[in-house]
Amino acid sequence: MVCPYCKSQENPAKHGTYIRESDGKKCQRYRCKACKKTFSETHFSIDYRLRKRYLNQNVFRSLCSGVSQRRLAIILGVQRAVIARRLLRFGRCAQHNLEVYRRNREKVTRLDFDELETFEHTKCKPITAAIAVEDKTRKVLAIAVGRIPAKGPLVQLARKKYGPRPCERSKCLHALFHDLKDCLGPSGLVKTDKSKAYPPFIRSYLPGWNHEATPGLRGCVVGQGELKASGWDPLFSLNHTYAMFRDGLKRLARRTWCTTKKMGNLTMSLNMYAWFHNLYLDSKQRTQLKLDWNH
C-alpha cells in the first residue's frame, strides 16, 4: 500500500479502526512509517468522503442511459451538485480504467476510428471527439476531445460573436494515437472514412498497417444520423457505437437543450459512457456493471 501523502512504498502500520457514520461500515486506519500521517483504507476507493454512497450505482447507470444531470437530481431528490461531483469522479475513474484496459488486453489488429462532432454552449463553438473502436467487438479503446472552428453558414456569425476559434483537430488525433500505442499490434487493418486528414497520422503512427478508406454514406433518421440508410456499412461497428453514444449521453443527443457548458465535463462524460459501454459488452448477465478504481 502506497502512502497517499508522501508516496512511500513502505508498508504502513495499522492504526485502529472507526465506524463510518454514513453506512455503519467498519474501516481500517493506517499510519505511514515515513511521514507519520494517518489515512484509512477508504482513501483509495471511488466513494471516498461521499456521504450518500447508495446513490452511486443509480447515478452511474442513469447518466449513461440518456438522463440529464438536472432531471436525475429531481428524480433522486438531491441537489444538482451531488450529481455534478459524481460525474467528475466517475469520469476520472473511467479514464483510469480505460488506460488499464488498453495496457492489459491483447493486441488489437482491427481498428475503426472517426470523429464525432458536438458543441459547447452554442453551435458556433463546435467540438470534435475522436473515438477509436475495435472492429467487430465494438469496444471503445480511446477518446480525445478538442475545439474546432465553426463551418458552413455559421462561420461569419461565430467569428463576429466569439472571435477566432482555434482548430485542435490535429492535437486531438495526436493524443488519440498516443493513447492507442499500448494496445495496437505491429500490423493490422484500420478503417476510416475518406477524410484527407487521416492518412498522414496512420502512416506516422501505424506504419505496418493497411488503411481502408470508405466514402461517407447517407445517414438514417432512426440512428440520429450516425447509422447509415444504405445497406451494408463497412464502418458499422464505429457508426453503431457513435449512435449509442448519442443515445446514452443526453448532451450528445440531437435537438436537445442539455448542452455542454465545459469541455472538461464532456470529456468526463465520454470516458464514463465508454467504460459503461465496454462493461455492458463484457458482462454475461448484462446487469453487473461495476465502477471501481481497481476493476
C-alpha atoms as a PDB file:
ATOM      1  CA  MET A   1       0.000   0.000   0.000  1.00  0.00           C
ATOM      2  CA  VAL A   2       1.386   3.404  -1.003  1.00  0.00           C
ATOM      3  CA  CYS A   3       1.035   6.383   1.322  1.00  0.00           C
ATOM      4  CA  PRO A   4      -1.272   8.966  -0.348  1.00  0.00           C
ATOM      5  CA  TYR A   5       0.721  11.858   1.147  1.00  0.00           C
ATOM      6  CA  CYS A   6       4.445  11.106   0.792  1.00  0.00           C
ATOM      7  CA  LYS A   7       4.082   8.200  -1.724  1.00  0.00           C
ATOM      8  CA  SER A   8       6.254   5.982   0.452  1.00  0.00           C
ATOM      9  CA  GLN A   9       6.398   2.340  -0.682  1.00  0.00           C
ATOM     10  CA  GLU A  10       6.988   1.100   2.879  1.00  0.00           C
ATOM     11  CA  ASN A  11       4.030  -0.838   4.220  1.00  0.00           C
ATOM     12  CA  PRO A  12       2.115   1.350   6.722  1.00  0.00           C
ATOM     13  CA  ALA A  13       1.239   0.130  10.219  1.00  0.00           C
ATOM     14  CA  LYS A  14      -2.336  -0.492  11.304  1.00  0.00           C
ATOM     15  CA  HIS A  15      -3.651   2.373  13.407  1.00  0.00           C
ATOM     16  CA  GLY A  16      -7.019   1.286  14.747  1.00  0.00           C
ATOM     17  CA  THR A  17     -10.456   1.285  13.156  1.00  0.00           C
ATOM     18  CA  TYR A  18     -13.508   3.515  13.013  1.00  0.00           C
ATOM     19  CA  ILE A  19     -17.189   3.128  12.151  1.00  0.00           C
ATOM     20  CA  ARG A  20     -18.214   5.120   9.094  1.00  0.00           C
ATOM     21  CA  GLU A  21     -21.210   7.256  10.008  1.00  0.00           C
ATOM     22  CA  SER A  22     -22.954   7.192   6.623  1.00  0.00           C
ATOM     23  CA  ASP A  23     -23.389   3.404   6.358  1.00  0.00           C
ATOM     24  CA  GLY A  24     -22.027   1.903   9.579  1.00  0.00           C
ATOM     25  CA  LYS A  25     -19.108   0.124   7.864  1.00  0.00           C
ATOM     26  CA  LYS A  26     -16.042  -0.704   9.963  1.00  0.00           C
ATOM     27  CA  CYS A  27     -12.955   0.809   8.256  1.00  0.00           C
ATOM     28  CA  GLN A  28      -9.275   0.181   8.949  1.00  0.00           C
ATOM     29  CA  ARG A  29      -6.917   3.102   9.568  1.00  0.00           C
ATOM     30  CA  TYR A  30      -3.167   3.115   8.823  1.00  0.00           C
ATOM     31  CA  ARG A  31      -0.162   5.186   9.879  1.00  0.00           C
ATOM     32  CA  CYS A  32       2.676   5.876   7.439  1.00  0.00           C
ATOM     33  CA  LYS A  33       6.101   4.970   8.874  1.00  0.00           C
ATOM     34  CA  ALA A  34       7.815   7.685   6.819  1.00  0.00           C
ATOM     35  CA  CYS A  35       5.694  10.841   7.217  1.00  0.00           C
ATOM     36  CA  LYS A  36       3.722   9.640  10.311  1.00  0.00           C
ATOM     37  CA  LYS A  37       0.393  10.725   8.793  1.00  0.00           C
ATOM     38  CA  THR A  38      -2.677   8.567   9.106  1.00  0.00           C
ATOM     39  CA  PHE A  39      -5.206   7.526   6.469  1.00  0.00           C
ATOM     40  CA  SER A  40      -7.903   4.904   6.031  1.00  0.00           C
ATOM     41  CA  GLU A  41      -8.439   2.100   3.563  1.00  0.00           C
ATOM     42  CA  THR A  42     -11.313   4.085   2.030  1.00  0.00           C
ATOM     43  CA  HIS A  43      -8.880   6.794   0.865  1.00  0.00           C
ATOM     44  CA  PHE A  44      -8.314   4.812  -2.343  1.00  0.00           C
ATOM     45  CA  SER A  45     -11.956   3.999  -3.088  1.00  0.00           C
ATOM     46  CA  ILE A  46     -14.160   5.842  -5.554  1.00  0.00           C
ATOM     47  CA  ASP A  47     -16.664   6.769  -2.820  1.00  0.00           C
ATOM     48  CA  TYR A  48     -14.043   8.449  -0.582  1.00  0.00           C
ATOM     49  CA  ARG A  49     -15.745  11.179   1.505  1.00  0.00           C
ATOM     50  CA  LEU A  50     -19.094  10.681  -0.204  1.00  0.00           C
ATOM     51  CA  ARG A  51     -21.976  10.525   2.255  1.00  0.00           C
ATOM     52  CA  LYS A  52     -24.774   9.243   0.009  1.00  0.00           C
ATOM     53  CA  ARG A  53     -22.934   6.208  -1.324  1.00  0.00           C
ATOM     54  CA  TYR A  54     -26.169   4.385  -2.058  1.00  0.00           C
ATOM     55  CA  LEU A  55     -26.714   6.806  -4.974  1.00  0.00           C
ATOM     56  CA  ASN A  56     -23.548   5.873  -6.864  1.00  0.00           C
ATOM     57  CA  GLN A  57     -24.866   2.989  -8.961  1.00  0.00           C
ATOM     58  CA  ASN A  58     -28.087   4.821  -9.827  1.00  0.00           C
ATOM     59  CA  VAL A  59     -26.170   7.936 -10.856  1.00  0.00           C
ATOM     60  CA  PHE A  60     -23.643   5.956 -12.914  1.00  0.00           C
ATOM     61  CA  ARG A  61     -26.282   3.958 -14.787  1.00  0.00           C
ATOM     62  CA  SER A  62     -28.687   6.867 -15.297  1.00  0.00           C
ATOM     63  CA  LEU A  63     -26.094   9.310 -16.647  1.00  0.00           C
ATOM     64  CA  CYS A  64     -25.131   6.639 -19.200  1.00  0.00           C
ATOM     65  CA  SER A  65     -28.765   5.983 -20.109  1.00  0.00           C
ATOM     66  CA  GLY A  66     -29.874   9.301 -21.545  1.00  0.00           C
ATOM     67  CA  VAL A  67     -30.851  11.078 -18.304  1.00  0.00           C
ATOM     68  CA  SER A  68     -29.644  14.656 -17.821  1.00  0.00           C
ATOM     69  CA  GLN A  69     -27.964  15.814 -14.617  1.00  0.00           C
ATOM     70  CA  ARG A  70     -30.781  18.200 -13.723  1.00  0.00           C
ATOM     71  CA  ARG A  71     -33.502  15.601 -14.297  1.00  0.00           C
ATOM     72  CA  LEU A  72     -31.584  12.952 -12.334  1.00  0.00           C
ATOM     73  CA  ALA A  73     -31.252  15.330  -9.385  1.00  0.00           C
ATOM     74  CA  ILE A  74     -35.035  15.800  -9.446  1.00  0.00           C
ATOM     75  CA  ILE A  75     -35.680  12.045  -9.642  1.00  0.00           C
ATOM     76  CA  LEU A  76     -33.347  11.218  -6.736  1.00  0.00           C
ATOM     77  CA  GLY A  77     -34.382  14.242  -4.668  1.00  0.00           C
ATOM     78  CA  VAL A  78     -30.870  15.686  -4.294  1.00  0.00           C
ATOM     79  CA  GLN A  79     -29.105  18.888  -5.265  1.00  0.00           C
ATOM     80  CA  ARG A  80     -27.564  19.173  -8.720  1.00  0.00           C
ATOM     81  CA  ALA A  81     -24.110  19.499  -7.163  1.00  0.00           C
ATOM     82  CA  VAL A  82     -24.429  15.925  -5.856  1.00  0.00           C
ATOM     83  CA  ILE A  83     -24.734  14.669  -9.426  1.00  0.00           C
ATOM     84  CA  ALA A  84     -22.062  17.018 -10.822  1.00  0.00           C
ATOM     85  CA  ARG A  85     -19.467  15.879  -8.274  1.00  0.00           C
ATOM     86  CA  ARG A  86     -20.096  12.232  -9.081  1.00  0.00           C
ATOM     87  CA  LEU A  87     -19.860  12.894 -12.815  1.00  0.00           C
ATOM     88  CA  LEU A  88     -16.313  14.231 -12.437  1.00  0.00           C
ATOM     89  CA  ARG A  89     -15.270  11.454 -10.069  1.00  0.00           C
ATOM     90  CA  PHE A  90     -16.764   8.681 -12.194  1.00  0.00           C
ATOM     91  CA  GLY A  91     -15.224  10.206 -15.335  1.00  0.00           C
ATOM     92  CA  ARG A  92     -11.721  10.193 -13.859  1.00  0.00           C
ATOM     93  CA  CYS A  93     -12.235   6.632 -12.632  1.00  0.00           C
ATOM     94  CA  ALA A  94     -13.430   5.501 -16.068  1.00  0.00           C
ATOM     95  CA  GLN A  95     -10.476   7.191 -17.762  1.00  0.00           C
ATOM     96  CA  HIS A  96      -8.102   5.326 -15.438  1.00  0.00           C
ATOM     97  CA  ASN A  97      -9.879   2.030 -16.123  1.00  0.00           C
ATOM     98  CA  LEU A  98      -9.669   2.559 -19.891  1.00  0.00           C
ATOM     99  CA  GLU A  99      -5.909   3.105 -19.588  1.00  0.00           C
ATOM    100  CA  VAL A 100      -5.532  -0.125 -17.589  1.00  0.00           C
ATOM    101  CA  TYR A 101      -7.737  -1.945 -20.108  1.00  0.00           C
ATOM    102  CA  ARG A 102      -5.535  -0.846 -23.027  1.00  0.00           C
ATOM    103  CA  ARG A 103      -2.352  -1.976 -21.277  1.00  0.00           C
ATOM    104  CA  ASN A 104      -3.613  -5.390 -20.199  1.00  0.00           C
ATOM    105  CA  ARG A 105      -5.664  -6.545 -23.178  1.00  0.00           C
ATOM    106  CA  GLU A 106      -4.452  -8.497 -26.211  1.00  0.00           C
ATOM    107  CA  LYS A 107      -3.041  -6.521 -29.114  1.00  0.00           C
ATOM    108  CA  VAL A 108      -5.671  -5.089 -31.453  1.00  0.00           C
ATOM    109  CA  THR A 109      -5.324  -5.839 -35.182  1.00  0.00           C
ATOM    110  CA  ARG A 110      -8.587  -4.334 -36.493  1.00  0.00           C
ATOM    111  CA  LEU A 111      -9.380  -0.722 -35.707  1.00  0.00           C
ATOM    112  CA  ASP A 112     -12.039   1.817 -36.718  1.00  0.00           C
ATOM    113  CA  PHE A 113     -11.840   5.486 -35.866  1.00  0.00           C
ATOM    114  CA  ASP A 114     -13.546   8.715 -36.807  1.00  0.00           C
ATOM    115  CA  GLU A 115     -14.642  11.999 -35.241  1.00  0.00           C
ATOM    116  CA  LEU A 116     -17.969  12.720 -33.597  1.00  0.00           C
ATOM    117  CA  GLU A 117     -18.916  16.400 -33.618  1.00  0.00           C
ATOM    118  CA  THR A 118     -20.865  18.265 -30.948  1.00  0.00           C
ATOM    119  CA  PHE A 119     -20.664  21.751 -29.433  1.00  0.00           C
ATOM    120  CA  GLU A 120     -20.267  23.671 -26.182  1.00  0.00           C
ATOM    121  CA  HIS A 121     -22.979  26.153 -25.234  1.00  0.00           C
ATOM    122  CA  THR A 122     -23.795  27.051 -28.847  1.00  0.00           C
ATOM    123  CA  LYS A 123     -23.330  25.597 -32.326  1.00  0.00           C
ATOM    124  CA  CYS A 124     -20.970  28.479 -33.007  1.00  0.00           C
ATOM    125  CA  LYS A 125     -18.480  26.660 -30.742  1.00  0.00           C
ATOM    126  CA  PRO A 126     -18.149  23.142 -32.202  1.00  0.00           C
ATOM    127  CA  ILE A 127     -16.121  20.349 -30.596  1.00  0.00           C
ATOM    128  CA  THR A 128     -14.632  17.245 -32.167  1.00  0.00           C
ATOM    129  CA  ALA A 129     -14.361  13.963 -30.274  1.00  0.00           C
ATOM    130  CA  ALA A 130     -12.055  11.418 -31.913  1.00  0.00           C
ATOM    131  CA  ILE A 131     -13.094   7.923 -30.824  1.00  0.00           C
ATOM    132  CA  ALA A 132     -11.292   4.669 -31.662  1.00  0.00           C
ATOM    133  CA  VAL A 133     -13.333   1.450 -31.654  1.00  0.00           C
ATOM    134  CA  GLU A 134     -12.193  -2.133 -32.071  1.00  0.00           C
ATOM    135  CA  ASP A 135     -13.793  -3.606 -35.164  1.00  0.00           C
ATOM    136  CA  LYS A 136     -16.301  -6.457 -34.680  1.00  0.00           C
ATOM    137  CA  THR A 137     -16.376  -6.243 -30.840  1.00  0.00           C
ATOM    138  CA  ARG A 138     -17.386  -2.543 -30.830  1.00  0.00           C
ATOM    139  CA  LYS A 139     -15.343  -1.877 -27.680  1.00  0.00           C
ATOM    140  CA  VAL A 140     -14.133   1.695 -27.195  1.00  0.00           C
ATOM    141  CA  LEU A 141     -10.350   1.940 -26.903  1.00  0.00           C
ATOM    142  CA  ALA A 142      -9.542   5.650 -26.655  1.00  0.00           C
ATOM    143  CA  ILE A 143     -11.143   9.104 -26.775  1.00  0.00           C
ATOM    144  CA  ALA A 144      -9.664  12.552 -27.397  1.00  0.00           C
ATOM    145  CA  VAL A 145     -11.563  15.858 -27.403  1.00  0.00           C
ATOM    146  CA  GLY A 146     -10.646  19.207 -28.948  1.00  0.00           C
ATOM    147  CA  ARG A 147     -12.087  22.505 -30.181  1.00  0.00           C
ATOM    148  CA  ILE A 148     -12.653  23.243 -33.848  1.00  0.00           C
ATOM    149  CA  PRO A 149     -13.833  26.409 -35.648  1.00  0.00           C
ATOM    150  CA  ALA A 150     -17.354  26.784 -36.947  1.00  0.00           C
ATOM    151  CA  LYS A 151     -18.058  25.906 -40.558  1.00  0.00           C
ATOM    152  CA  GLY A 152     -20.757  26.449 -43.137  1.00  0.00           C
ATOM    153  CA  PRO A 153     -23.316  29.240 -42.640  1.00  0.00           C
ATOM    154  CA  LEU A 154     -22.209  29.808 -39.020  1.00  0.00           C
ATOM    155  CA  VAL A 155     -18.663  30.937 -39.837  1.00  0.00           C
ATOM    156  CA  GLN A 156     -19.359  34.674 -40.026  1.00  0.00           C
ATOM    157  CA  LEU A 157     -21.729  34.682 -37.046  1.00  0.00           C
ATOM    158  CA  ALA A 158     -19.333  32.686 -34.858  1.00  0.00           C
ATOM    159  CA  ARG A 159     -16.362  34.910 -35.682  1.00  0.00           C
ATOM    160  CA  LYS A 160     -18.413  38.050 -35.038  1.00  0.00           C
ATOM    161  CA  LYS A 161     -19.796  36.929 -31.656  1.00  0.00           C
ATOM    162  CA  TYR A 162     -16.917  34.890 -30.226  1.00  0.00           C
ATOM    163  CA  GLY A 163     -13.859  35.817 -32.272  1.00  0.00           C
ATOM    164  CA  PRO A 164     -11.432  33.371 -33.910  1.00  0.00           C
ATOM    165  CA  ARG A 165     -11.579  29.821 -32.569  1.00  0.00           C
ATOM    166  CA  PRO A 166      -8.523  27.509 -32.600  1.00  0.00           C
ATOM    167  CA  CYS A 167      -8.548  24.246 -34.527  1.00  0.00           C
ATOM    168  CA  GLU A 168      -7.353  21.433 -32.257  1.00  0.00           C
ATOM    169  CA  ARG A 169      -8.173  18.548 -34.598  1.00  0.00           C
ATOM    170  CA  SER A 170      -4.509  17.716 -35.213  1.00  0.00           C
ATOM    171  CA  LYS A 171      -3.722  17.861 -31.489  1.00  0.00           C
ATOM    172  CA  CYS A 172      -6.745  15.670 -30.803  1.00  0.00           C
ATOM    173  CA  LEU A 173      -5.649  12.986 -33.285  1.00  0.00           C
ATOM    174  CA  HIS A 174      -2.090  13.009 -31.921  1.00  0.00           C
ATOM    175  CA  ALA A 175      -3.473  12.412 -28.414  1.00  0.00           C
ATOM    176  CA  LEU A 176      -5.705   9.607 -29.666  1.00  0.00           C
ATOM    177  CA  PHE A 177      -2.899   7.677 -31.370  1.00  0.00           C
ATOM    178  CA  HIS A 178      -0.567   8.280 -28.436  1.00  0.00           C
ATOM    179  CA  ASP A 179      -3.087   6.580 -26.137  1.00  0.00           C
ATOM    180  CA  LEU A 180      -3.557   3.706 -28.586  1.00  0.00           C
ATOM    181  CA  LYS A 181       0.124   2.781 -28.865  1.00  0.00           C
ATOM    182  CA  ASP A 182      -0.022   0.352 -25.904  1.00  0.00           C
ATOM    183  CA  CYS A 183      -2.795  -1.822 -27.325  1.00  0.00           C
ATOM    184  CA  LEU A 184      -2.094  -1.960 -31.084  1.00  0.00           C
ATOM    185  CA  GLY A 185      -0.206  -4.770 -32.778  1.00  0.00           C
ATOM    186  CA  PRO A 186       2.638  -4.279 -35.294  1.00  0.00           C
ATOM    187  CA  SER A 187       0.279  -4.860 -38.226  1.00  0.00           C
ATOM    188  CA  GLY A 188      -3.418  -4.869 -38.914  1.00  0.00           C
ATOM    189  CA  LEU A 189      -6.275  -3.097 -40.691  1.00  0.00           C
ATOM    190  CA  VAL A 190      -7.568   0.373 -39.849  1.00  0.00           C
ATOM    191  CA  LYS A 191     -10.823   1.632 -41.383  1.00  0.00           C
ATOM    192  CA  THR A 192     -11.895   5.268 -41.642  1.00  0.00           C
ATOM    193  CA  ASP A 193     -13.913   7.491 -43.929  1.00  0.00           C
ATOM    194  CA  LYS A 194     -12.208   9.373 -46.770  1.00  0.00           C
ATOM    195  CA  SER A 195     -11.092  12.367 -44.723  1.00  0.00           C
ATOM    196  CA  LYS A 196      -7.795  13.728 -46.059  1.00  0.00           C
ATOM    197  CA  ALA A 197      -6.580  14.411 -42.521  1.00  0.00           C
ATOM    198  CA  TYR A 198      -6.274  10.748 -41.516  1.00  0.00           C
ATOM    199  CA  PRO A 199      -3.658   9.184 -43.894  1.00  0.00           C
ATOM    200  CA  PRO A 200      -0.679  11.207 -42.534  1.00  0.00           C
ATOM    201  CA  PHE A 201      -1.433  10.134 -38.960  1.00  0.00           C
ATOM    202  CA  ILE A 202      -1.886   6.500 -39.972  1.00  0.00           C
ATOM    203  CA  ARG A 203       1.410   6.461 -41.873  1.00  0.00           C
ATOM    204  CA  SER A 204       3.168   8.067 -38.918  1.00  0.00           C
ATOM    205  CA  TYR A 205       1.722   6.025 -36.046  1.00  0.00           C
ATOM    206  CA  LEU A 206       0.748   2.788 -37.840  1.00  0.00           C
ATOM    207  CA  PRO A 207       3.451   2.192 -40.481  1.00  0.00           C
ATOM    208  CA  GLY A 208       2.787  -1.545 -40.752  1.00  0.00           C
ATOM    209  CA  TRP A 209      -0.997  -1.267 -41.012  1.00  0.00           C
ATOM    210  CA  ASN A 210      -3.260  -1.324 -44.055  1.00  0.00           C
ATOM    211  CA  HIS A 211      -5.651   1.591 -44.414  1.00  0.00           C
ATOM    212  CA  GLU A 212      -9.123   1.105 -45.857  1.00  0.00           C
ATOM    213  CA  ALA A 213     -10.958   4.383 -46.582  1.00  0.00           C
ATOM    214  CA  THR A 214     -14.723   4.264 -47.093  1.00  0.00           C
ATOM    215  CA  PRO A 215     -16.755   7.110 -48.627  1.00  0.00           C
ATOM    216  CA  GLY A 216     -19.344   8.714 -46.350  1.00  0.00           C
ATOM    217  CA  LEU A 217     -22.866   7.307 -46.654  1.00  0.00           C
ATOM    218  CA  ARG A 218     -26.235   8.962 -46.140  1.00  0.00           C
ATOM    219  CA  GLY A 219     -27.430   8.749 -42.531  1.00  0.00           C
ATOM    220  CA  CYS A 220     -30.824   7.413 -41.486  1.00  0.00           C
ATOM    221  CA  VAL A 221     -33.208   9.187 -39.139  1.00  0.00           C
ATOM    222  CA  VAL A 222     -33.542   6.386 -36.587  1.00  0.00           C
ATOM    223  CA  GLY A 223     -29.780   6.304 -35.988  1.00  0.00           C
ATOM    224  CA  GLN A 224     -29.669  10.071 -35.367  1.00  0.00           C
ATOM    225  CA  GLY A 225     -27.544  10.454 -38.476  1.00  0.00           C
ATOM    226  CA  GLU A 226     -24.836   8.038 -37.303  1.00  0.00           C
ATOM    227  CA  LEU A 227     -26.304   4.790 -38.662  1.00  0.00           C
ATOM    228  CA  LYS A 228     -26.474   4.695 -42.442  1.00  0.00           C
ATOM    229  CA  ALA A 229     -29.587   4.415 -44.593  1.00  0.00           C
ATOM    230  CA  SER A 230     -27.892   2.275 -47.255  1.00  0.00           C
ATOM    231  CA  GLY A 231     -27.456  -1.490 -46.969  1.00  0.00           C
ATOM    232  CA  TRP A 232     -24.154  -2.911 -45.784  1.00  0.00           C
ATOM    233  CA  ASP A 233     -21.990  -0.404 -43.890  1.00  0.00           C
ATOM    234  CA  PRO A 234     -18.247  -1.226 -43.716  1.00  0.00           C
ATOM    235  CA  LEU A 235     -17.943   1.090 -40.696  1.00  0.00           C
ATOM    236  CA  PHE A 236     -20.948  -0.383 -38.879  1.00  0.00           C
ATOM    237  CA  SER A 237     -19.036  -1.065 -35.625  1.00  0.00           C
ATOM    238  CA  LEU A 238     -17.975   2.566 -35.445  1.00  0.00           C
ATOM    239  CA  ASN A 239     -21.241   4.173 -36.540  1.00  0.00           C
ATOM    240  CA  HIS A 240     -23.336   1.933 -34.299  1.00  0.00           C
ATOM    241  CA  THR A 241     -21.155   2.852 -31.327  1.00  0.00           C
ATOM    242  CA  TYR A 242     -21.441   6.550 -32.173  1.00  0.00           C
ATOM    243  CA  ALA A 243     -25.237   6.215 -32.323  1.00  0.00           C
ATOM    244  CA  MET A 244     -25.168   4.599 -28.877  1.00  0.00           C
ATOM    245  CA  PHE A 245     -23.054   7.487 -27.545  1.00  0.00           C
ATOM    246  CA  ARG A 246     -25.659   9.979 -28.789  1.00  0.00           C
ATOM    247  CA  ASP A 247     -28.482   7.940 -27.285  1.00  0.00           C
ATOM    248  CA  GLY A 248     -26.755   7.261 -23.963  1.00  0.00           C
ATOM    249  CA  LEU A 249     -25.433  10.764 -23.234  1.00  0.00           C
ATOM    250  CA  LYS A 250     -28.128  13.426 -23.084  1.00  0.00           C
ATOM    251  CA  ARG A 251     -25.707  16.212 -24.011  1.00  0.00           C
ATOM    252  CA  LEU A 252     -24.877  14.461 -27.317  1.00  0.00           C
ATOM    253  CA  ALA A 253     -28.476  13.947 -28.437  1.00  0.00           C
ATOM    254  CA  ARG A 254     -29.524  15.991 -31.445  1.00  0.00           C
ATOM    255  CA  ARG A 255     -32.062  18.797 -30.901  1.00  0.00           C
ATOM    256  CA  THR A 256     -31.602  18.898 -27.139  1.00  0.00           C
ATOM    257  CA  TRP A 257     -31.235  21.806 -24.757  1.00  0.00           C
ATOM    258  CA  CYS A 258     -28.918  19.788 -22.473  1.00  0.00           C
ATOM    259  CA  THR A 259     -25.776  21.227 -23.998  1.00  0.00           C
ATOM    260  CA  THR A 260     -22.178  21.041 -22.821  1.00  0.00           C
ATOM    261  CA  LYS A 261     -21.021  24.070 -20.833  1.00  0.00           C
ATOM    262  CA  LYS A 262     -17.452  22.934 -20.133  1.00  0.00           C
ATOM    263  CA  MET A 263     -15.336  20.807 -22.452  1.00  0.00           C
ATOM    264  CA  GLY A 264     -13.734  19.037 -19.475  1.00  0.00           C
ATOM    265  CA  ASN A 265     -17.140  17.777 -18.362  1.00  0.00           C
ATOM    266  CA  LEU A 266     -17.778  16.482 -21.882  1.00  0.00           C
ATOM    267  CA  THR A 267     -14.522  14.515 -21.690  1.00  0.00           C
ATOM    268  CA  MET A 268     -15.554  13.009 -18.353  1.00  0.00           C
ATOM    269  CA  SER A 269     -18.980  12.068 -19.758  1.00  0.00           C
ATOM    270  CA  LEU A 270     -17.447  10.406 -22.821  1.00  0.00           C
ATOM    271  CA  ASN A 271     -14.986   8.414 -20.715  1.00  0.00           C
ATOM    272  CA  MET A 272     -17.743   7.342 -18.344  1.00  0.00           C
ATOM    273  CA  TYR A 273     -20.016   6.167 -21.127  1.00  0.00           C
ATOM    274  CA  ALA A 274     -17.125   4.397 -22.892  1.00  0.00           C
ATOM    275  CA  TRP A 275     -16.411   2.390 -19.740  1.00  0.00           C
ATOM    276  CA  PHE A 276     -20.133   1.699 -19.257  1.00  0.00           C
ATOM    277  CA  HIS A 277     -20.328   0.550 -22.895  1.00  0.00           C
ATOM    278  CA  ASN A 278     -17.350  -1.823 -22.528  1.00  0.00           C
ATOM    279  CA  LEU A 279     -18.671  -3.248 -19.261  1.00  0.00           C
ATOM    280  CA  TYR A 280     -22.021  -3.894 -20.884  1.00  0.00           C
ATOM    281  CA  LEU A 281     -20.373  -5.796 -23.752  1.00  0.00           C
ATOM    282  CA  ASP A 282     -18.232  -7.806 -21.311  1.00  0.00           C
ATOM    283  CA  SER A 283     -20.961  -8.659 -18.825  1.00  0.00           C
ATOM    284  CA  LYS A 284     -22.581 -12.023 -19.462  1.00  0.00           C
ATOM    285  CA  GLN A 285     -25.690 -11.209 -17.451  1.00  0.00           C
ATOM    286  CA  ARG A 286     -25.693  -7.584 -18.677  1.00  0.00           C
ATOM    287  CA  THR A 287     -26.541  -6.380 -15.170  1.00  0.00           C
ATOM    288  CA  GLN A 288     -23.315  -6.489 -13.150  1.00  0.00           C
ATOM    289  CA  LEU A 289     -21.895  -3.085 -14.065  1.00  0.00           C
ATOM    290  CA  LYS A 290     -19.133  -2.023 -11.673  1.00  0.00           C
ATOM    291  CA  LEU A 291     -17.281   1.250 -11.411  1.00  0.00           C
ATOM    292  CA  ASP A 292     -14.115   0.729  -9.414  1.00  0.00           C
ATOM    293  CA  TRP A 293     -10.572   2.088  -9.475  1.00  0.00           C
ATOM    294  CA  ASN A 294      -9.278  -1.485  -9.300  1.00  0.00           C
ATOM    295  CA  HIS A 295     -11.675  -3.056 -11.814  1.00  0.00           C
END
